[in-house]
């Protein structure tokens, strides 16, 4: 069974709870089965990386983003610039996502 997710790749989101509350970023990856999203510059963790000369990777401690629960982020409307819930409306013969506050479509 597929889970319906209103957040898509390259959407702007704001973290509404957790240690990074208030941060905004672009969605890099969405995992509907796990219920997580990967957001740019949010939930950054340190990871030990082994040196790999074949891939030209230096060893040491690297920082990378960690997945965050979908329920902990809200989509940012492009026109009213505030976090919003997603409404589903018909635009011609297509279903599109829309802002609950101002009603503009969130599709690019």
PDB file of N, CA and C in Angstrom:
ATOM      1  N   UNK A   1       0.839  -1.188   0.000  1.00  0.00           N
ATOM      2  CA  UNK A   1       0.000   0.000   0.000  1.00  0.00           C
ATOM      3  C   UNK A   1       0.882   1.249   0.000  1.00  0.00           C
ATOM      4  N   UNK A   2       0.577   2.204  -0.883  1.00  0.00           N
ATOM      5  CA  UNK A   2       1.333   3.435  -0.980  1.00  0.00           C
ATOM      6  C   UNK A   2       0.840   4.460   0.019  1.00  0.00           C
ATOM      7  N   UNK A   3       1.769   5.164   0.641  1.00  0.00           N
ATOM      8  CA  UNK A   3       1.406   6.256   1.530  1.00  0.00           C
ATOM      9  C   UNK A   3       1.381   7.545   0.718  1.00  0.00           C
ATOM     10  N   UNK A   4       0.374   8.353   0.931  1.00  0.00           N
ATOM     11  CA  UNK A   4       0.257   9.632   0.236  1.00  0.00           C
ATOM     12  C   UNK A   4       1.042  10.685   1.023  1.00  0.00           C
ATOM     13  N   UNK A   5       1.960  11.369   0.346  1.00  0.00           N
ATOM     14  CA  UNK A   5       2.792  12.379   0.976  1.00  0.00           C
ATOM     15  C   UNK A   5       2.615  13.690   0.213  1.00  0.00           C
ATOM     16  N   UNK A   6       2.367  14.781   0.945  1.00  0.00           N
ATOM     17  CA  UNK A   6       2.140  16.077   0.314  1.00  0.00           C
ATOM     18  C   UNK A   6       3.429  16.855   0.076  1.00  0.00           C
ATOM     19  N   UNK A   7       4.538  16.375   0.598  1.00  0.00           N
ATOM     20  CA  UNK A   7       5.822  17.053   0.426  1.00  0.00           C
ATOM     21  C   UNK A   7       6.607  16.336  -0.660  1.00  0.00           C
ATOM     22  N   UNK A   8       7.174  17.112  -1.574  1.00  0.00           N
ATOM     23  CA  UNK A   8       7.912  16.546  -2.693  1.00  0.00           C
ATOM     24  C   UNK A   8       9.332  17.094  -2.714  1.00  0.00           C
ATOM     25  N   UNK A   9      10.147  16.503  -3.556  1.00  0.00           N
ATOM     26  CA  UNK A   9      11.530  16.931  -3.700  1.00  0.00           C
ATOM     27  C   UNK A   9      11.592  18.376  -4.201  1.00  0.00           C
ATOM     28  N   UNK A  10      12.565  19.140  -3.714  1.00  0.00           N
ATOM     29  CA  UNK A  10      12.805  20.552  -4.036  1.00  0.00           C
ATOM     30  C   UNK A  10      11.773  21.506  -3.452  1.00  0.00           C
ATOM     31  N   UNK A  11      10.886  21.049  -2.587  1.00  0.00           N
ATOM     32  CA  UNK A  11       9.969  21.948  -1.876  1.00  0.00           C
ATOM     33  C   UNK A  11      10.723  22.649  -0.753  1.00  0.00           C
ATOM     34  N   UNK A  12      10.310  23.865  -0.419  1.00  0.00           N
ATOM     35  CA  UNK A  12      10.842  24.571   0.736  1.00  0.00           C
ATOM     36  C   UNK A  12       9.994  24.194   1.941  1.00  0.00           C
ATOM     37  N   UNK A  13      10.640  23.790   3.033  1.00  0.00           N
ATOM     38  CA  UNK A  13       9.924  23.402   4.247  1.00  0.00           C
ATOM     39  C   UNK A  13      10.530  24.095   5.450  1.00  0.00           C
ATOM     40  N   UNK A  14       9.752  24.160   6.539  1.00  0.00           N
ATOM     41  CA  UNK A  14      10.225  24.688   7.821  1.00  0.00           C
ATOM     42  C   UNK A  14      10.027  23.612   8.874  1.00  0.00           C
ATOM     43  N   UNK A  15      11.034  23.427   9.722  1.00  0.00           N
ATOM     44  CA  UNK A  15      10.957  22.451  10.802  1.00  0.00           C
ATOM     45  C   UNK A  15      10.121  23.060  11.923  1.00  0.00           C
ATOM     46  N   UNK A  16       9.085  22.326  12.375  1.00  0.00           N
ATOM     47  CA  UNK A  16       8.173  22.873  13.377  1.00  0.00           C
ATOM     48  C   UNK A  16       8.408  22.308  14.772  1.00  0.00           C
ATOM     49  N   UNK A  17       9.197  21.255  14.898  1.00  0.00           N
ATOM     50  CA  UNK A  17       9.496  20.695  16.204  1.00  0.00           C
ATOM     51  C   UNK A  17      10.828  19.965  16.167  1.00  0.00           C
ATOM     52  N   UNK A  18      11.434  19.797  17.326  1.00  0.00           N
ATOM     53  CA  UNK A  18      12.712  19.105  17.413  1.00  0.00           C
ATOM     54  C   UNK A  18      13.855  20.060  17.660  1.00  0.00           C
ATOM     55  N   UNK A  19      15.075  19.532  17.599  1.00  0.00           N
ATOM     56  CA  UNK A  19      16.241  20.347  17.947  1.00  0.00           C
ATOM     57  C   UNK A  19      16.541  21.419  16.911  1.00  0.00           C
ATOM     58  N   UNK A  20      16.058  21.277  15.689  1.00  0.00           N
ATOM     59  CA  UNK A  20      16.270  22.263  14.638  1.00  0.00           C
ATOM     60  C   UNK A  20      15.011  23.079  14.351  1.00  0.00           C
ATOM     61  N   UNK A  21      14.174  23.263  15.356  1.00  0.00           N
ATOM     62  CA  UNK A  21      12.909  23.989  15.181  1.00  0.00           C
ATOM     63  C   UNK A  21      13.171  25.400  14.643  1.00  0.00           C
ATOM     64  N   UNK A  22      12.415  25.781  13.607  1.00  0.00           N
ATOM     65  CA  UNK A  22      12.536  27.106  13.016  1.00  0.00           C
ATOM     66  C   UNK A  22      13.426  27.163  11.788  1.00  0.00           C
ATOM     67  N   UNK A  23      14.250  26.151  11.563  1.00  0.00           N
ATOM     68  CA  UNK A  23      15.122  26.157  10.390  1.00  0.00           C
ATOM     69  C   UNK A  23      14.313  25.872   9.133  1.00  0.00           C
ATOM     70  N   UNK A  24      14.780  26.448   8.029  1.00  0.00           N
ATOM     71  CA  UNK A  24      14.143  26.227   6.736  1.00  0.00           C
ATOM     72  C   UNK A  24      15.154  25.628   5.782  1.00  0.00           C
ATOM     73  N   UNK A  25      14.654  24.853   4.828  1.00  0.00           N
ATOM     74  CA  UNK A  25      15.556  24.255   3.851  1.00  0.00           C
ATOM     75  C   UNK A  25      14.799  23.609   2.717  1.00  0.00           C
ATOM     76  N   UNK A  26      15.564  23.133   1.742  1.00  0.00           N
ATOM     77  CA  UNK A  26      15.014  22.490   0.561  1.00  0.00           C
ATOM     78  C   UNK A  26      15.026  20.989   0.774  1.00  0.00           C
ATOM     79  N   UNK A  27      13.965  20.319   0.339  1.00  0.00           N
ATOM     80  CA  UNK A  27      13.859  18.871   0.488  1.00  0.00           C
ATOM     81  C   UNK A  27      14.756  18.207  -0.556  1.00  0.00           C
ATOM     82  N   UNK A  28      15.668  17.343  -0.088  1.00  0.00           N
ATOM     83  CA  UNK A  28      16.582  16.639  -0.979  1.00  0.00           C
ATOM     84  C   UNK A  28      16.038  15.271  -1.364  1.00  0.00           C
ATOM     85  N   UNK A  29      15.373  14.594  -0.423  1.00  0.00           N
ATOM     86  CA  UNK A  29      14.867  13.246  -0.675  1.00  0.00           C
ATOM     87  C   UNK A  29      13.644  12.999   0.199  1.00  0.00           C
ATOM     88  N   UNK A  30      12.664  12.266  -0.344  1.00  0.00           N
ATOM     89  CA  UNK A  30      11.453  11.897   0.399  1.00  0.00           C
ATOM     90  C   UNK A  30      11.356  10.374   0.420  1.00  0.00           C
ATOM     91  N   UNK A  31      11.109   9.810   1.609  1.00  0.00           N
ATOM     92  CA  UNK A  31      10.918   8.364   1.764  1.00  0.00           C
ATOM     93  C   UNK A  31       9.529   8.114   2.340  1.00  0.00           C
ATOM     94  N   UNK A  32       8.512   7.941   1.483  1.00  0.00           N
ATOM     95  CA  UNK A  32       7.146   7.756   1.979  1.00  0.00           C
ATOM     96  C   UNK A  32       6.981   6.484   2.815  1.00  0.00           C
ATOM     97  N   UNK A  33       7.687   5.422   2.461  1.00  0.00           N
ATOM     98  CA  UNK A  33       7.554   4.166   3.201  1.00  0.00           C
ATOM     99  C   UNK A  33       8.056   4.313   4.634  1.00  0.00           C
ATOM    100  N   UNK A  34       9.132   5.063   4.819  1.00  0.00           N
ATOM    101  CA  UNK A  34       9.680   5.283   6.162  1.00  0.00           C
ATOM    102  C   UNK A  34       9.042   6.478   6.858  1.00  0.00           C
ATOM    103  N   UNK A  35       8.407   7.367   6.082  1.00  0.00           N
ATOM    104  CA  UNK A  35       7.799   8.568   6.655  1.00  0.00           C
ATOM    105  C   UNK A  35       8.822   9.623   7.018  1.00  0.00           C
ATOM    106  N   UNK A  36       9.900   9.717   6.222  1.00  0.00           N
ATOM    107  CA  UNK A  36      10.953  10.680   6.514  1.00  0.00           C
ATOM    108  C   UNK A  36      11.284  11.522   5.285  1.00  0.00           C
ATOM    109  N   UNK A  37      11.914  12.668   5.541  1.00  0.00           N
ATOM    110  CA  UNK A  37      12.433  13.532   4.481  1.00  0.00           C
ATOM    111  C   UNK A  37      13.850  13.932   4.839  1.00  0.00           C
ATOM    112  N   UNK A  38      14.646  14.222   3.832  1.00  0.00           N
ATOM    113  CA  UNK A  38      16.002  14.714   4.016  1.00  0.00           C
ATOM    114  C   UNK A  38      15.995  16.176   3.602  1.00  0.00           C
ATOM    115  N   UNK A  39      16.290  17.073   4.553  1.00  0.00           N
ATOM    116  CA  UNK A  39      16.218  18.510   4.311  1.00  0.00           C
ATOM    117  C   UNK A  39      17.626  19.094   4.368  1.00  0.00           C
ATOM    118  N   UNK A  40      17.902  19.975   3.424  1.00  0.00           N
ATOM    119  CA  UNK A  40      19.218  20.592   3.312  1.00  0.00           C
ATOM    120  C   UNK A  40      19.526  21.441   4.540  1.00  0.00           C
ATOM    121  N   UNK A  41      20.697  21.230   5.171  1.00  0.00           N
ATOM    122  CA  UNK A  41      21.193  21.978   6.333  1.00  0.00           C
ATOM    123  C   UNK A  41      20.323  21.819   7.579  1.00  0.00           C
ATOM    124  N   UNK A  42      19.580  20.731   7.672  1.00  0.00           N
ATOM    125  CA  UNK A  42      18.757  20.462   8.850  1.00  0.00           C
ATOM    126  C   UNK A  42      19.121  19.079   9.373  1.00  0.00           C
ATOM    127  N   UNK A  43      19.178  18.923  10.693  1.00  0.00           N
ATOM    128  CA  UNK A  43      19.497  17.657  11.355  1.00  0.00           C
ATOM    129  C   UNK A  43      20.871  17.147  10.897  1.00  0.00           C
ATOM    130  N   UNK A  44      21.860  18.036  10.969  1.00  0.00           N
ATOM    131  CA  UNK A  44      23.213  17.699  10.541  1.00  0.00           C
ATOM    132  C   UNK A  44      23.895  16.892  11.640  1.00  0.00           C
ATOM    133  N   UNK A  45      24.470  15.750  11.255  1.00  0.00           N
ATOM    134  CA  UNK A  45      25.175  14.886  12.196  1.00  0.00           C
ATOM    135  C   UNK A  45      26.610  14.689  11.706  1.00  0.00           C
ATOM    136  N   UNK A  46      27.478  14.308  12.634  1.00  0.00           N
ATOM    137  CA  UNK A  46      28.866  14.036  12.285  1.00  0.00           C
ATOM    138  C   UNK A  46      29.031  12.545  12.052  1.00  0.00           C
ATOM    139  N   UNK A  47      29.820  12.197  11.043  1.00  0.00           N
ATOM    140  CA  UNK A  47      30.006  10.800  10.678  1.00  0.00           C
ATOM    141  C   UNK A  47      31.484  10.562  10.396  1.00  0.00           C
ATOM    142  N   UNK A  48      32.004   9.465  10.935  1.00  0.00           N
ATOM    143  CA  UNK A  48      33.388   9.103  10.672  1.00  0.00           C
ATOM    144  C   UNK A  48      33.478   8.498   9.273  1.00  0.00           C
ATOM    145  N   UNK A  49      34.409   9.015   8.466  1.00  0.00           N
ATOM    146  CA  UNK A  49      34.551   8.576   7.089  1.00  0.00           C
ATOM    147  C   UNK A  49      35.942   7.981   6.904  1.00  0.00           C
ATOM    148  N   UNK A  50      36.005   6.801   6.330  1.00  0.00           N
ATOM    149  CA  UNK A  50      37.280   6.144   6.054  1.00  0.00           C
ATOM    150  C   UNK A  50      37.856   6.677   4.751  1.00  0.00           C
ATOM    151  N   UNK A  51      39.166   6.782   4.707  1.00  0.00           N
ATOM    152  CA  UNK A  51      39.852   7.275   3.520  1.00  0.00           C
ATOM    153  C   UNK A  51      39.690   6.268   2.383  1.00  0.00           C
ATOM    154  N   UNK A  52      39.407   6.787   1.165  1.00  0.00           N
ATOM    155  CA  UNK A  52      39.256   5.936  -0.007  1.00  0.00           C
ATOM    156  C   UNK A  52      39.934   6.632  -1.191  1.00  0.00           C
ATOM    157  N   UNK A  53      41.163   6.242  -1.492  1.00  0.00           N
ATOM    158  CA  UNK A  53      41.880   6.917  -2.587  1.00  0.00           C
ATOM    159  C   UNK A  53      41.253   6.713  -3.962  1.00  0.00           C
ATOM    160  N   UNK A  54      40.547   5.592  -4.159  1.00  0.00           N
ATOM    161  CA  UNK A  54      39.937   5.343  -5.468  1.00  0.00           C
ATOM    162  C   UNK A  54      38.829   6.346  -5.771  1.00  0.00           C
ATOM    163  N   UNK A  55      38.063   6.713  -4.770  1.00  0.00           N
ATOM    164  CA  UNK A  55      36.979   7.690  -4.958  1.00  0.00           C
ATOM    165  C   UNK A  55      37.414   9.107  -4.612  1.00  0.00           C
ATOM    166  N   UNK A  56      38.686   9.271  -4.295  1.00  0.00           N
ATOM    167  CA  UNK A  56      39.241  10.577  -3.953  1.00  0.00           C
ATOM    168  C   UNK A  56      38.558  11.170  -2.714  1.00  0.00           C
ATOM    169  N   UNK A  57      38.339  10.328  -1.690  1.00  0.00           N
ATOM    170  CA  UNK A  57      37.691  10.743  -0.452  1.00  0.00           C
ATOM    171  C   UNK A  57      38.738  10.817   0.655  1.00  0.00           C
ATOM    172  N   UNK A  58      38.806  11.962   1.333  1.00  0.00           N
ATOM    173  CA  UNK A  58      39.716  12.096   2.454  1.00  0.00           C
ATOM    174  C   UNK A  58      39.041  11.533   3.700  1.00  0.00           C
ATOM    175  N   UNK A  59      39.811  10.942   4.561  1.00  0.00           N
ATOM    176  CA  UNK A  59      39.284  10.398   5.801  1.00  0.00           C
ATOM    177  C   UNK A  59      39.085  11.489   6.836  1.00  0.00           C
ATOM    178  N   UNK A  60      38.335  11.177   7.892  1.00  0.00           N
ATOM    179  CA  UNK A  60      38.128  12.132   8.970  1.00  0.00           C
ATOM    180  C   UNK A  60      36.671  12.152   9.394  1.00  0.00           C
ATOM    181  N   UNK A  61      36.281  13.260   9.982  1.00  0.00           N
ATOM    182  CA  UNK A  61      34.906  13.407  10.452  1.00  0.00           C
ATOM    183  C   UNK A  61      34.174  14.343   9.495  1.00  0.00           C
ATOM    184  N   UNK A  62      33.111  13.832   8.884  1.00  0.00           N
ATOM    185  CA  UNK A  62      32.333  14.616   7.919  1.00  0.00           C
ATOM    186  C   UNK A  62      30.957  14.912   8.496  1.00  0.00           C
ATOM    187  N   UNK A  63      30.366  15.995   8.032  1.00  0.00           N
ATOM    188  CA  UNK A  63      29.002  16.338   8.436  1.00  0.00           C
ATOM    189  C   UNK A  63      28.057  16.039   7.294  1.00  0.00           C
ATOM    190  N   UNK A  64      26.897  15.469   7.633  1.00  0.00           N
ATOM    191  CA  UNK A  64      25.891  15.174   6.623  1.00  0.00           C
ATOM    192  C   UNK A  64      24.505  15.300   7.242  1.00  0.00           C
ATOM    193  N   UNK A  65      23.504  15.480   6.368  1.00  0.00           N
ATOM    194  CA  UNK A  65      22.130  15.589   6.831  1.00  0.00           C
ATOM    195  C   UNK A  65      21.593  14.212   7.195  1.00  0.00           C
ATOM    196  N   UNK A  66      20.724  14.192   8.189  1.00  0.00           N
ATOM    197  CA  UNK A  66      20.072  12.968   8.624  1.00  0.00           C
ATOM    198  C   UNK A  66      18.573  13.113   8.355  1.00  0.00           C
ATOM    199  N   UNK A  67      17.869  12.016   8.073  1.00  0.00           N
ATOM    200  CA  UNK A  67      16.424  12.125   7.809  1.00  0.00           C
ATOM    201  C   UNK A  67      15.653  12.631   9.025  1.00  0.00           C
ATOM    202  N   UNK A  68      14.566  13.326   8.761  1.00  0.00           N
ATOM    203  CA  UNK A  68      13.687  13.855   9.796  1.00  0.00           C
ATOM    204  C   UNK A  68      12.263  13.418   9.455  1.00  0.00           C
ATOM    205  N   UNK A  69      11.432  13.215  10.460  1.00  0.00           N
ATOM    206  CA  UNK A  69      10.072  12.735  10.243  1.00  0.00           C
ATOM    207  C   UNK A  69       9.256  13.763   9.455  1.00  0.00           C
ATOM    208  N   UNK A  70       8.410  13.272   8.563  1.00  0.00           N
ATOM    209  CA  UNK A  70       7.574  14.151   7.745  1.00  0.00           C
ATOM    210  C   UNK A  70       6.640  14.983   8.624  1.00  0.00           C
ATOM    211  N   UNK A  71       6.210  14.410   9.749  1.00  0.00           N
ATOM    212  CA  UNK A  71       5.298  15.128  10.634  1.00  0.00           C
ATOM    213  C   UNK A  71       5.962  16.307  11.327  1.00  0.00           C
ATOM    214  N   UNK A  72       7.283  16.390  11.289  1.00  0.00           N
ATOM    215  CA  UNK A  72       8.001  17.477  11.950  1.00  0.00           C
ATOM    216  C   UNK A  72       8.321  18.646  11.035  1.00  0.00           C
ATOM    217  N   UNK A  73       7.865  18.605   9.784  1.00  0.00           N
ATOM    218  CA  UNK A  73       8.092  19.709   8.853  1.00  0.00           C
ATOM    219  C   UNK A  73       6.769  20.165   8.243  1.00  0.00           C
ATOM    220  N   UNK A  74       6.737  21.455   7.872  1.00  0.00           N
ATOM    221  CA  UNK A  74       5.572  22.011   7.177  1.00  0.00           C
ATOM    222  C   UNK A  74       6.042  22.681   5.903  1.00  0.00           C
ATOM    223  N   UNK A  75       5.229  22.558   4.880  1.00  0.00           N
ATOM    224  CA  UNK A  75       5.523  23.134   3.577  1.00  0.00           C
ATOM    225  C   UNK A  75       5.403  24.653   3.643  1.00  0.00           C
ATOM    226  N   UNK A  76       6.334  25.358   2.998  1.00  0.00           N
ATOM    227  CA  UNK A  76       6.276  26.822   2.933  1.00  0.00           C
ATOM    228  C   UNK A  76       5.612  27.233   1.634  1.00  0.00           C
ATOM    229  N   UNK A  77       4.642  28.122   1.731  1.00  0.00           N
ATOM    230  CA  UNK A  77       3.969  28.652   0.546  1.00  0.00           C
ATOM    231  C   UNK A  77       4.918  29.623  -0.148  1.00  0.00           C
ATOM    232  N   UNK A  78       4.973  29.557  -1.469  1.00  0.00           N
ATOM    233  CA  UNK A  78       5.884  30.421  -2.216  1.00  0.00           C
ATOM    234  C   UNK A  78       5.387  31.864  -2.289  1.00  0.00           C
ATOM    235  N   UNK A  79       4.082  32.083  -2.173  1.00  0.00           N
ATOM    236  CA  UNK A  79       3.570  33.452  -2.297  1.00  0.00           C
ATOM    237  C   UNK A  79       3.402  34.147  -0.947  1.00  0.00           C
ATOM    238  N   UNK A  80       2.829  33.474   0.050  1.00  0.00           N
ATOM    239  CA  UNK A  80       2.621  34.147   1.342  1.00  0.00           C
ATOM    240  C   UNK A  80       3.762  33.897   2.324  1.00  0.00           C
ATOM    241  N   UNK A  81       4.752  33.070   1.964  1.00  0.00           N
ATOM    242  CA  UNK A  81       5.988  32.849   2.724  1.00  0.00           C
ATOM    243  C   UNK A  81       5.750  32.391   4.163  1.00  0.00           C
ATOM    244  N   UNK A  82       4.719  31.582   4.392  1.00  0.00           N
ATOM    245  CA  UNK A  82       4.493  31.046   5.730  1.00  0.00           C
ATOM    246  C   UNK A  82       4.167  29.564   5.649  1.00  0.00           C
ATOM    247  N   UNK A  83       4.430  28.824   6.737  1.00  0.00           N
ATOM    248  CA  UNK A  83       4.150  27.385   6.710  1.00  0.00           C
ATOM    249  C   UNK A  83       2.655  27.147   6.577  1.00  0.00           C
ATOM    250  N   UNK A  84       2.301  26.163   5.793  1.00  0.00           N
ATOM    251  CA  UNK A  84       0.894  25.927   5.503  1.00  0.00           C
ATOM    252  C   UNK A  84       0.596  24.447   5.378  1.00  0.00           C
ATOM    253  N   UNK A  85      -0.657  24.106   5.592  1.00  0.00           N
ATOM    254  CA  UNK A  85      -1.127  22.767   5.270  1.00  0.00           C
ATOM    255  C   UNK A  85      -1.459  22.749   3.786  1.00  0.00           C
ATOM    256  N   UNK A  86      -1.588  21.573   3.231  1.00  0.00           N
ATOM    257  CA  UNK A  86      -1.785  21.441   1.796  1.00  0.00           C
ATOM    258  C   UNK A  86      -3.234  21.101   1.499  1.00  0.00           C
ATOM    259  N   UNK A  87      -3.830  21.861   0.596  1.00  0.00           N
ATOM    260  CA  UNK A  87      -5.175  21.579   0.103  1.00  0.00           C
ATOM    261  C   UNK A  87      -5.037  20.943  -1.271  1.00  0.00           C
ATOM    262  N   UNK A  88      -5.959  20.074  -1.619  1.00  0.00           N
ATOM    263  CA  UNK A  88      -5.948  19.447  -2.944  1.00  0.00           C
ATOM    264  C   UNK A  88      -7.125  19.995  -3.737  1.00  0.00           C
ATOM    265  N   UNK A  89      -6.819  20.661  -4.858  1.00  0.00           N
ATOM    266  CA  UNK A  89      -7.857  21.271  -5.678  1.00  0.00           C
ATOM    267  C   UNK A  89      -7.695  20.821  -7.121  1.00  0.00           C
ATOM    268  N   UNK A  90      -8.730  21.076  -7.907  1.00  0.00           N
ATOM    269  CA  UNK A  90      -8.677  20.768  -9.338  1.00  0.00           C
ATOM    270  C   UNK A  90      -8.248  22.021 -10.088  1.00  0.00           C
ATOM    271  N   UNK A  91      -7.269  21.877 -10.963  1.00  0.00           N
ATOM    272  CA  UNK A  91      -6.818  22.956 -11.824  1.00  0.00           C
ATOM    273  C   UNK A  91      -6.946  22.442 -13.245  1.00  0.00           C
ATOM    274  N   UNK A  92      -8.034  22.768 -13.884  1.00  0.00           N
ATOM    275  CA  UNK A  92      -8.333  22.186 -15.193  1.00  0.00           C
ATOM    276  C   UNK A  92      -8.771  20.745 -14.988  1.00  0.00           C
ATOM    277  N   UNK A  93      -8.023  19.803 -15.539  1.00  0.00           N
ATOM    278  CA  UNK A  93      -8.357  18.389 -15.363  1.00  0.00           C
ATOM    279  C   UNK A  93      -7.353  17.681 -14.450  1.00  0.00           C
ATOM    280  N   UNK A  94      -6.489  18.465 -13.761  1.00  0.00           N
ATOM    281  CA  UNK A  94      -5.463  17.888 -12.891  1.00  0.00           C
ATOM    282  C   UNK A  94      -5.727  18.214 -11.427  1.00  0.00           C
ATOM    283  N   UNK A  95      -5.345  17.294 -10.544  1.00  0.00           N
ATOM    284  CA  UNK A  95      -5.338  17.570  -9.111  1.00  0.00           C
ATOM    285  C   UNK A  95      -4.021  18.264  -8.784  1.00  0.00           C
ATOM    286  N   UNK A  96      -4.082  19.400  -8.105  1.00  0.00           N
ATOM    287  CA  UNK A  96      -2.872  20.133  -7.744  1.00  0.00           C
ATOM    288  C   UNK A  96      -2.881  20.426  -6.248  1.00  0.00           C
ATOM    289  N   UNK A  97      -1.690  20.692  -5.715  1.00  0.00           N
ATOM    290  CA  UNK A  97      -1.569  21.100  -4.318  1.00  0.00           C
ATOM    291  C   UNK A  97      -1.756  22.603  -4.233  1.00  0.00           C
ATOM    292  N   UNK A  98      -2.437  23.046  -3.172  1.00  0.00           N
ATOM    293  CA  UNK A  98      -2.682  24.475  -3.002  1.00  0.00           C
ATOM    294  C   UNK A  98      -2.457  24.861  -1.547  1.00  0.00           C
ATOM    295  N   UNK A  99      -2.193  26.145  -1.324  1.00  0.00           N
ATOM    296  CA  UNK A  99      -1.988  26.682   0.023  1.00  0.00           C
ATOM    297  C   UNK A  99      -3.336  26.845   0.708  1.00  0.00           C
ATOM    298  N   UNK A 100      -3.449  26.443   1.963  1.00  0.00           N
ATOM    299  CA  UNK A 100      -4.700  26.585   2.713  1.00  0.00           C
ATOM    300  C   UNK A 100      -4.972  28.044   3.065  1.00  0.00           C
ATOM    301  N   UNK A 101      -3.910  28.876   3.176  1.00  0.00           N
ATOM    302  CA  UNK A 101      -4.088  30.268   3.587  1.00  0.00           C
ATOM    303  C   UNK A 101      -4.499  31.160   2.438  1.00  0.00           C
ATOM    304  N   UNK A 102      -3.687  31.155   1.360  1.00  0.00           N
ATOM    305  CA  UNK A 102      -3.945  32.106   0.274  1.00  0.00           C
ATOM    306  C   UNK A 102      -4.572  31.441  -0.957  1.00  0.00           C
ATOM    307  N   UNK A 103      -4.558  30.117  -1.042  1.00  0.00           N
ATOM    308  CA  UNK A 103      -5.219  29.427  -2.140  1.00  0.00           C
ATOM    309  C   UNK A 103      -4.404  29.287  -3.411  1.00  0.00           C
ATOM    310  N   UNK A 104      -3.177  29.803  -3.449  1.00  0.00           N
ATOM    311  CA  UNK A 104      -2.381  29.673  -4.667  1.00  0.00           C
ATOM    312  C   UNK A 104      -1.842  28.246  -4.806  1.00  0.00           C
ATOM    313  N   UNK A 105      -1.608  27.840  -6.060  1.00  0.00           N
ATOM    314  CA  UNK A 105      -1.119  26.482  -6.292  1.00  0.00           C
ATOM    315  C   UNK A 105       0.368  26.408  -5.912  1.00  0.00           C
ATOM    316  N   UNK A 106       0.775  25.243  -5.427  1.00  0.00           N
ATOM    317  CA  UNK A 106       2.160  25.040  -4.989  1.00  0.00           C
ATOM    318  C   UNK A 106       2.988  24.321  -6.048  1.00  0.00           C
ATOM    319  N   UNK A 107       2.388  24.046  -7.206  1.00  0.00           N
ATOM    320  CA  UNK A 107       3.118  23.368  -8.282  1.00  0.00           C
ATOM    321  C   UNK A 107       3.990  24.375  -9.015  1.00  0.00           C
ATOM    322  N   UNK A 108       5.095  23.897  -9.551  1.00  0.00           N
ATOM    323  CA  UNK A 108       5.998  24.775 -10.286  1.00  0.00           C
ATOM    324  C   UNK A 108       5.699  24.746 -11.761  1.00  0.00           C
TER     325      UNK A 108
END
